Amino acid sequence: MRLKGKTALITGGANGIGLATTERFAKEGANIILWDVSDKGQEVAENLNKAGHRVLFKKVSVTHQEEVQDAVAEAKKQVGRIDILINNAGITKDRTLLKMTKEEWDDVIAVNLTGVFNCTHAIAPLMKEQNYGRIVSAASNVAIRGNYGQTNYVATKSAIIGMTKVWAMELGRYGITANCIAPGFIHTAMTDAMPEEVRKQSIPLIPLGHWGVPDDIANGYLYLASDEASFVSGICLTIDGGASR
């Protein structure tokens, strides 16, 4: 029960890595505020509540600042405080630079980067009042090594690493840590949609010889959100089987 008594807000918590994190945090004793644009979040919340956990679901688009601010105010009324923010929501719209449209660029920037800013900007003041907070955001190992056809995605994930370091500097005096995680190839619905040949070609790049699973990233989120990481701030924890060695 490493998160007993803590309240964690998880964006994109209804699928893939977000779902694994929601379930893991609930089992570790956290009260969960689950945000997602998918209605599946309601089903996830109901199932976990039936199992004896406390999960509140709200359909929120992190791209809309006022919507995020209103949802944070509502969450504060319901649970009183937010101890942990997991900025997990993200999308991909891959295309090579010469073929990428402005809309594809804007959409990925809006969710993966502006969305992280919106959530952190709204929740950091609550953490400041509490003199306690854990902010963990989803970067990616492609921010470190680049990736073909992902100008927009790589730009957002590189920016996450930079913002995390700034937040560690600015918020540390208020008892708030800021870190991020850089996953590698992880089996999710999003990555399983990749062409099989591309997935096969990725295996030799991973020293451990296989892709990871969502729980591998959830475990990283758990560590950085726990009091075990109370003196860890400003880092990017890479979890990719050694691919970014």
Protein backbone atom coordinates (compact mmCIF):
# COMPACT_ATOMS: atom_id res chain seq x y z
CA MET A 1 0.00 0.00 0.00
CA ARG A 2 2.68 2.45 -1.07
CA LEU A 3 0.15 5.17 -1.97
CA LYS A 4 -2.27 4.71 0.91
CA GLY A 5 -4.10 7.94 1.71
CA LYS A 6 -2.85 9.68 -1.44
CA THR A 7 -5.03 10.99 -4.28
CA ALA A 8 -3.71 10.54 -7.80
CA LEU A 9 -5.04 12.18 -10.96
CA ILE A 10 -4.24 10.11 -14.05
CA THR A 11 -4.86 11.47 -17.54
CA GLY A 12 -5.52 9.00 -20.32
CA GLY A 13 -6.20 6.45 -17.61
CA ALA A 14 -8.70 4.24 -19.43
CA ASN A 15 -6.46 2.39 -21.85
CA GLY A 16 -2.98 0.94 -22.29
CA ILE A 17 -0.32 2.30 -19.98
CA GLY A 18 -2.83 4.64 -18.35
CA LEU A 19 -5.15 1.76 -17.47
CA ALA A 20 -2.30 -0.30 -16.05
CA THR A 21 -1.30 2.69 -13.95
CA THR A 22 -4.84 3.32 -12.75
CA GLU A 23 -5.19 -0.31 -11.65
CA ARG A 24 -1.75 -0.43 -10.02
CA PHE A 25 -2.23 2.81 -8.11
CA ALA A 26 -5.64 1.68 -6.88
CA LYS A 27 -4.15 -1.57 -5.58
CA GLU A 28 -1.45 0.48 -3.84
CA GLY A 29 -4.13 2.33 -1.86
CA ALA A 30 -4.51 5.56 -3.82
CA ASN A 31 -7.79 7.33 -4.44
CA ILE A 32 -7.96 7.79 -8.20
CA ILE A 33 -9.28 10.63 -10.32
CA LEU A 34 -9.39 9.18 -13.83
CA TRP A 35 -9.55 11.53 -16.80
CA ASP A 36 -9.99 10.32 -20.36
CA VAL A 37 -11.80 11.29 -23.54
CA SER A 38 -13.02 7.69 -23.85
CA ASP A 39 -16.26 6.57 -22.24
CA LYS A 40 -14.41 3.39 -21.27
CA GLY A 41 -13.19 5.34 -18.25
CA GLN A 42 -16.62 4.98 -16.66
CA GLU A 43 -16.47 1.20 -16.98
CA VAL A 44 -12.95 1.14 -15.54
CA ALA A 45 -14.06 3.24 -12.58
CA GLU A 46 -17.13 1.11 -11.91
CA ASN A 47 -15.14 -2.14 -11.97
CA LEU A 48 -12.50 -0.82 -9.59
CA ASN A 49 -15.10 0.66 -7.25
CA LYS A 50 -16.84 -2.73 -7.11
CA ALA A 51 -13.50 -4.22 -6.09
CA GLY A 52 -13.35 -1.87 -3.11
CA HIS A 53 -11.25 0.95 -4.52
CA ARG A 54 -12.20 4.61 -4.90
CA VAL A 55 -12.10 5.84 -8.48
CA LEU A 56 -13.82 8.94 -9.85
CA PHE A 57 -14.10 9.22 -13.63
CA LYS A 58 -14.59 12.41 -15.61
CA LYS A 59 -14.52 12.82 -19.36
CA VAL A 60 -11.96 15.58 -19.87
CA SER A 61 -10.03 16.78 -22.90
CA VAL A 62 -6.68 18.02 -21.63
CA THR A 63 -6.39 20.27 -24.69
CA HIS A 64 -9.01 22.69 -23.34
CA GLN A 65 -7.60 24.83 -20.54
CA GLU A 66 -10.91 26.00 -19.09
CA GLU A 67 -12.27 22.46 -19.09
CA VAL A 68 -9.19 21.28 -17.22
CA GLN A 69 -9.42 24.10 -14.69
CA ASP A 70 -13.11 23.40 -14.04
CA ALA A 71 -12.42 19.67 -13.63
CA VAL A 72 -9.61 20.37 -11.15
CA ALA A 73 -11.90 22.63 -9.10
CA GLU A 74 -14.56 19.90 -9.08
CA ALA A 75 -12.01 17.26 -8.06
CA LYS A 76 -10.82 19.42 -5.18
CA LYS A 77 -14.39 19.72 -3.89
CA GLN A 78 -14.88 15.96 -4.12
CA VAL A 79 -11.60 14.72 -2.62
CA GLY A 80 -10.02 17.75 -0.96
CA ARG A 81 -6.52 17.41 -2.39
CA ILE A 82 -4.47 16.06 -5.28
CA ASP A 83 -1.14 14.57 -4.27
CA ILE A 84 -0.04 12.98 -7.54
CA LEU A 85 -0.43 14.04 -11.16
CA ILE A 86 0.33 11.49 -13.87
CA ASN A 87 0.42 13.29 -17.23
CA ASN A 88 -0.11 10.16 -19.30
CA ALA A 89 -2.56 11.18 -22.07
CA GLY A 90 -1.02 11.14 -25.53
CA ILE A 91 -1.65 10.46 -29.21
CA THR A 92 0.32 9.79 -32.38
CA LYS A 93 -0.30 10.97 -35.93
CA ASP A 94 2.79 9.75 -37.73
CA ARG A 95 3.95 10.97 -41.11
CA THR A 96 7.26 12.01 -42.61
CA LEU A 97 8.11 15.70 -42.50
CA LEU A 98 7.45 16.30 -46.19
CA LYS A 99 3.98 14.72 -45.95
CA MET A 100 2.90 15.90 -42.49
CA THR A 101 -0.04 18.29 -42.46
CA LYS A 102 -0.43 21.30 -40.20
CA GLU A 103 -3.47 19.60 -38.66
CA GLU A 104 -1.44 16.49 -37.77
CA TRP A 105 1.21 18.68 -36.18
CA ASP A 106 -1.31 20.76 -34.25
CA ASP A 107 -3.30 17.78 -32.96
CA VAL A 108 -0.29 16.02 -31.47
CA ILE A 109 1.11 19.23 -29.98
CA ALA A 110 -2.30 20.01 -28.44
CA VAL A 111 -2.64 16.71 -26.58
CA ASN A 112 0.94 15.67 -25.84
CA LEU A 113 2.41 19.06 -24.96
CA THR A 114 -0.24 21.72 -24.37
CA GLY A 115 -2.33 19.15 -22.49
CA VAL A 116 0.54 18.46 -20.10
CA PHE A 117 0.99 22.19 -19.53
CA ASN A 118 -2.73 22.70 -18.94
CA CYS A 119 -2.97 19.96 -16.32
CA THR A 120 0.22 20.85 -14.50
CA HIS A 121 -0.58 24.57 -14.57
CA ALA A 122 -3.97 23.89 -12.98
CA ILE A 123 -2.81 21.40 -10.34
CA ALA A 124 0.55 22.79 -9.25
CA PRO A 125 -1.09 25.60 -7.19
CA LEU A 126 -2.98 22.97 -5.15
CA MET A 127 0.25 21.09 -4.54
CA LYS A 128 1.90 24.33 -3.51
CA GLU A 129 -0.82 24.93 -0.90
CA GLN A 130 -0.30 21.39 0.40
CA ASN A 131 3.50 21.76 0.34
CA TYR A 132 3.51 18.34 -1.29
CA GLY A 133 3.18 16.96 -4.78
CA ARG A 134 4.40 14.43 -7.28
CA ILE A 135 4.28 15.31 -10.99
CA VAL A 136 5.21 12.55 -13.43
CA SER A 137 4.82 13.03 -17.18
CA ALA A 138 5.08 10.71 -20.16
CA ALA A 139 8.05 11.40 -22.39
CA SER A 140 9.46 8.73 -24.74
CA ASN A 141 12.81 7.25 -25.63
CA VAL A 142 12.33 8.69 -29.13
CA ALA A 143 12.93 12.09 -27.53
CA ILE A 144 16.48 10.89 -26.99
CA ARG A 145 17.15 9.01 -30.23
CA GLY A 146 14.59 10.40 -32.70
CA ASN A 147 12.25 8.26 -34.78
CA TYR A 148 11.44 8.17 -38.48
CA GLY A 149 8.08 9.75 -39.33
CA GLN A 150 7.47 11.29 -35.92
CA THR A 151 8.47 14.94 -36.12
CA ASN A 152 5.39 16.01 -34.15
CA TYR A 153 5.53 13.24 -31.53
CA VAL A 154 9.28 13.54 -30.93
CA ALA A 155 8.97 17.33 -30.59
CA THR A 156 6.40 16.93 -27.82
CA LYS A 157 8.32 14.27 -25.93
CA SER A 158 11.58 16.21 -26.10
CA ALA A 159 9.74 19.22 -24.72
CA ILE A 160 8.35 17.14 -21.84
CA ILE A 161 11.88 16.35 -20.70
CA GLY A 162 12.83 20.01 -20.79
CA MET A 163 9.69 21.20 -18.99
CA THR A 164 10.19 18.58 -16.31
CA LYS A 165 13.63 19.96 -15.50
CA VAL A 166 12.24 23.49 -15.29
CA TRP A 167 9.42 22.40 -12.97
CA ALA A 168 11.87 20.59 -10.71
CA MET A 169 13.73 23.88 -10.31
CA GLU A 170 10.66 26.06 -9.83
CA LEU A 171 8.49 23.82 -7.65
CA GLY A 172 10.98 22.03 -5.44
CA ARG A 173 10.78 24.71 -2.75
CA TYR A 174 7.12 23.78 -2.28
CA GLY A 175 7.77 20.11 -1.62
CA ILE A 176 6.88 19.14 -5.21
CA THR A 177 8.95 16.76 -7.31
CA ALA A 178 8.75 16.69 -11.11
CA ASN A 179 9.96 13.76 -13.18
CA CYS A 180 9.16 12.01 -16.43
CA ILE A 181 9.37 8.53 -17.90
CA ALA A 182 10.63 7.64 -21.37
CA PRO A 183 9.05 4.35 -22.43
CA GLY A 184 10.40 2.34 -25.33
CA PHE A 185 8.41 -0.19 -27.33
CA ILE A 186 5.43 -1.18 -25.18
CA HIS A 187 2.58 -3.51 -26.19
CA THR A 188 -0.55 -1.34 -26.30
CA ALA A 189 -3.43 -1.02 -28.76
CA MET A 190 -1.67 2.00 -30.25
CA THR A 191 1.65 0.25 -30.88
CA ASP A 192 0.06 -3.06 -31.87
CA ALA A 193 -1.50 -1.18 -34.79
CA MET A 194 1.99 -0.71 -36.23
CA PRO A 195 2.88 -2.87 -39.25
CA GLU A 196 4.11 -6.30 -38.14
CA GLU A 197 7.31 -5.90 -40.14
CA VAL A 198 8.15 -2.68 -38.29
CA ARG A 199 7.59 -4.39 -34.95
CA LYS A 200 9.85 -7.29 -35.95
CA GLN A 201 12.59 -4.89 -37.03
CA SER A 202 12.53 -3.24 -33.61
CA ILE A 203 13.46 -6.38 -31.66
CA PRO A 204 17.20 -6.38 -32.54
CA LEU A 205 17.39 -2.80 -31.22
CA ILE A 206 16.37 -3.95 -27.73
CA PRO A 207 19.14 -5.69 -25.75
CA LEU A 208 16.59 -7.58 -23.64
CA GLY A 209 15.13 -8.97 -26.87
CA HIS A 210 11.45 -8.16 -26.42
CA TRP A 211 8.94 -5.35 -26.05
CA GLY A 212 7.72 -4.20 -22.66
CA VAL A 213 4.18 -4.33 -21.28
CA PRO A 214 2.10 -1.51 -19.73
CA ASP A 215 2.86 -2.73 -16.21
CA ASP A 216 6.55 -2.01 -16.80
CA ILE A 217 5.73 1.68 -17.17
CA ALA A 218 3.12 1.64 -14.39
CA ASN A 219 5.85 0.39 -12.06
CA GLY A 220 8.01 3.35 -13.02
CA TYR A 221 5.15 5.77 -12.43
CA LEU A 222 4.56 4.13 -9.06
CA TYR A 223 8.14 4.57 -7.93
CA LEU A 224 8.33 8.23 -8.92
CA ALA A 225 4.92 8.94 -7.35
CA SER A 226 5.80 7.24 -4.07
CA ASP A 227 7.61 8.58 -1.03
CA GLU A 228 10.48 6.25 -1.91
CA ALA A 229 11.37 8.83 -4.57
CA SER A 230 11.08 11.83 -2.25
CA PHE A 231 14.62 13.01 -3.17
CA VAL A 232 14.28 12.29 -6.89
CA SER A 233 13.38 15.27 -9.06
CA GLY A 234 14.19 16.55 -12.53
CA ILE A 235 15.02 13.16 -14.03
CA CYS A 236 13.81 11.27 -17.08
CA LEU A 237 13.60 7.56 -16.26
CA THR A 238 14.07 5.53 -19.44
CA ILE A 239 12.26 2.18 -19.49
CA ASP A 240 13.00 0.55 -22.83
CA GLY A 241 14.90 -2.68 -22.30
CA GLY A 242 18.23 -0.97 -22.98
CA ALA A 243 17.37 0.38 -26.43
CA SER A 244 18.62 3.88 -25.53
CA ARG A 245 21.87 2.71 -23.94
